[in-house]
C-alpha atoms as a PDB file:
ATOM      1  CA  MET A   1      -8.131  20.870 -10.112  1.00  0.00           C
ATOM      2  CA  LYS A   2     -11.725  20.900 -11.942  1.00  0.00           C
ATOM      3  CA  ILE A   3      -9.865  18.932 -14.660  1.00  0.00           C
ATOM      4  CA  LEU A   4      -9.265  16.168 -12.371  1.00  0.00           C
ATOM      5  CA  ALA A   5     -12.935  15.894 -11.294  1.00  0.00           C
ATOM      6  CA  ARG A   6     -14.042  16.074 -15.016  1.00  0.00           C
ATOM      7  CA  GLU A   7     -11.646  13.419 -16.182  1.00  0.00           C
ATOM      8  CA  LEU A   8     -12.294  11.057 -13.322  1.00  0.00           C
ATOM      9  CA  GLY A   9     -16.083  11.561 -13.841  1.00  0.00           C
ATOM     10  CA  ALA A  10     -15.556  10.662 -17.518  1.00  0.00           C
ATOM     11  CA  ASN A  11     -13.618   7.610 -16.657  1.00  0.00           C
ATOM     12  CA  ILE A  12     -16.082   6.439 -14.098  1.00  0.00           C
ATOM     13  CA  ARG A  13     -18.861   6.919 -16.887  1.00  0.00           C
ATOM     14  CA  ALA A  14     -16.997   4.995 -19.329  1.00  0.00           C
ATOM     15  CA  LYS A  15     -16.209   2.113 -17.186  1.00  0.00           C
ATOM     16  CA  ARG A  16     -19.887   1.971 -15.999  1.00  0.00           C
ATOM     17  CA  LYS A  17     -21.111   1.894 -19.575  1.00  0.00           C
ATOM     18  CA  ASP A  18     -18.497  -0.643 -20.677  1.00  0.00           C
ATOM     19  CA  MET A  19     -19.897  -2.879 -17.850  1.00  0.00           C
ATOM     20  CA  GLY A  20     -23.482  -2.244 -18.840  1.00  0.00           C
ATOM     21  CA  ILE A  21     -24.443  -0.994 -15.484  1.00  0.00           C
ATOM     22  CA  SER A  22     -27.079   1.872 -15.255  1.00  0.00           C
ATOM     23  CA  GLN A  23     -26.300   4.911 -13.335  1.00  0.00           C
ATOM     24  CA  ASP A  24     -29.159   4.115 -10.930  1.00  0.00           C
ATOM     25  CA  ASP A  25     -27.607   0.699 -10.185  1.00  0.00           C
ATOM     26  CA  LEU A  26     -24.083   2.013  -9.595  1.00  0.00           C
ATOM     27  CA  ALA A  27     -25.468   4.690  -7.333  1.00  0.00           C
ATOM     28  CA  LEU A  28     -27.309   2.105  -5.260  1.00  0.00           C
ATOM     29  CA  ASP A  29     -24.182  -0.079  -5.100  1.00  0.00           C
ATOM     30  CA  CYS A  30     -22.206   2.893  -3.667  1.00  0.00           C
ATOM     31  CA  GLY A  31     -24.858   4.059  -1.415  1.00  0.00           C
ATOM     32  CA  VAL A  32     -25.284   7.462  -3.073  1.00  0.00           C
ATOM     33  CA  ASP A  33     -28.332   9.098  -4.765  1.00  0.00           C
ATOM     34  CA  ARG A  34     -28.494   8.819  -8.478  1.00  0.00           C
ATOM     35  CA  SER A  35     -28.401  12.695  -8.933  1.00  0.00           C
ATOM     36  CA  TYR A  36     -25.116  12.776  -6.997  1.00  0.00           C
ATOM     37  CA  MET A  37     -23.669   9.882  -9.076  1.00  0.00           C
ATOM     38  CA  GLY A  38     -24.614  12.016 -12.254  1.00  0.00           C
ATOM     39  CA  ARG A  39     -22.829  14.890 -10.678  1.00  0.00           C
ATOM     40  CA  ILE A  40     -19.753  12.773 -10.116  1.00  0.00           C
ATOM     41  CA  GLU A  41     -19.630  11.669 -13.744  1.00  0.00           C
ATOM     42  CA  ARG A  42     -20.044  15.158 -14.887  1.00  0.00           C
ATOM     43  CA  GLY A  43     -17.082  16.260 -12.767  1.00  0.00           C
ATOM     44  CA  GLU A  44     -19.085  18.825 -10.811  1.00  0.00           C
ATOM     45  CA  VAL A  45     -18.106  17.596  -7.324  1.00  0.00           C
ATOM     46  CA  ASN A  46     -14.785  16.356  -5.586  1.00  0.00           C
ATOM     47  CA  ILE A  47     -15.346  12.919  -4.221  1.00  0.00           C
ATOM     48  CA  THR A  48     -13.549  11.613  -1.141  1.00  0.00           C
ATOM     49  CA  LEU A  49     -10.980   8.713  -1.381  1.00  0.00           C
ATOM     50  CA  LYS A  50     -13.507   6.581   0.354  1.00  0.00           C
ATOM     51  CA  LYS A  51     -16.092   7.118  -2.358  1.00  0.00           C
ATOM     52  CA  LEU A  52     -13.551   6.600  -5.029  1.00  0.00           C
ATOM     53  CA  TYR A  53     -12.846   3.167  -3.458  1.00  0.00           C
ATOM     54  CA  SER A  54     -16.557   2.482  -3.282  1.00  0.00           C
ATOM     55  CA  ILE A  55     -17.092   3.155  -6.864  1.00  0.00           C
ATOM     56  CA  ALA A  56     -14.192   1.172  -7.871  1.00  0.00           C
ATOM     57  CA  TRP A  57     -15.409  -1.891  -5.915  1.00  0.00           C
ATOM     58  CA  ALA A  58     -18.777  -1.533  -7.453  1.00  0.00           C
ATOM     59  CA  LEU A  59     -17.068  -1.283 -11.001  1.00  0.00           C
ATOM     60  CA  SER A  60     -14.874  -4.382 -10.092  1.00  0.00           C
ATOM     61  CA  CYS A  61     -11.654  -2.462 -10.869  1.00  0.00           C
ATOM     62  CA  GLU A  62      -8.739  -0.898  -9.138  1.00  0.00           C
ATOM     63  CA  THR A  63      -8.936   2.730  -8.307  1.00  0.00           C
ATOM     64  CA  ALA A  64      -5.998   3.543 -10.502  1.00  0.00           C
ATOM     65  CA  ALA A  65      -8.038   2.475 -13.495  1.00  0.00           C
ATOM     66  CA  LEU A  66     -10.379   5.345 -12.767  1.00  0.00           C
ATOM     67  CA  LEU A  67      -7.845   8.022 -12.214  1.00  0.00           C
ATOM     68  CA  PRO A  68      -6.653  10.142 -15.265  1.00  0.00           C
ATOM     69  CA  PRO A  69      -3.023  10.131 -16.101  1.00  0.00           C
ATOM     70  CA  VAL A  70      -0.829  12.634 -14.437  1.00  0.00           C
ATOM     71  CA  ALA A  71       0.206  14.231 -17.664  1.00  0.00           C
ATOM     72  CA  VAL A  72      -3.367  14.952 -18.433  1.00  0.00           C
ATOM     73  CA  ILE A  73      -4.068  16.781 -15.299  1.00  0.00           C
ATOM     74  CA  LYS A  74      -0.619  18.644 -15.353  1.00  0.00           C
ATOM     75  CA  SER A  75      -1.055  19.766 -19.120  1.00  0.00           C
ATOM     76  CA  GLN A  76      -4.365  21.575 -18.205  1.00  0.00           C
ATOM     77  CA  ASP A  77      -3.032  23.398 -14.993  1.00  0.00           C
END
């Protein structure tokens, strides 16, 4: 499931950059340390659903918009 964390993190980073939000600001909005947000974006940690919802809220999107397609995950298993 490392691919899931990596793809999710890449999607979070892409959305954040599209919105012009710094990693520091996103971390602050989500109540996490900037270094932890960096680890999320690099796919180094598995986050809770609660944290996923917090990130989606801060990015003004639905959680589904951040999740990678099932086909991408299954093709990497």
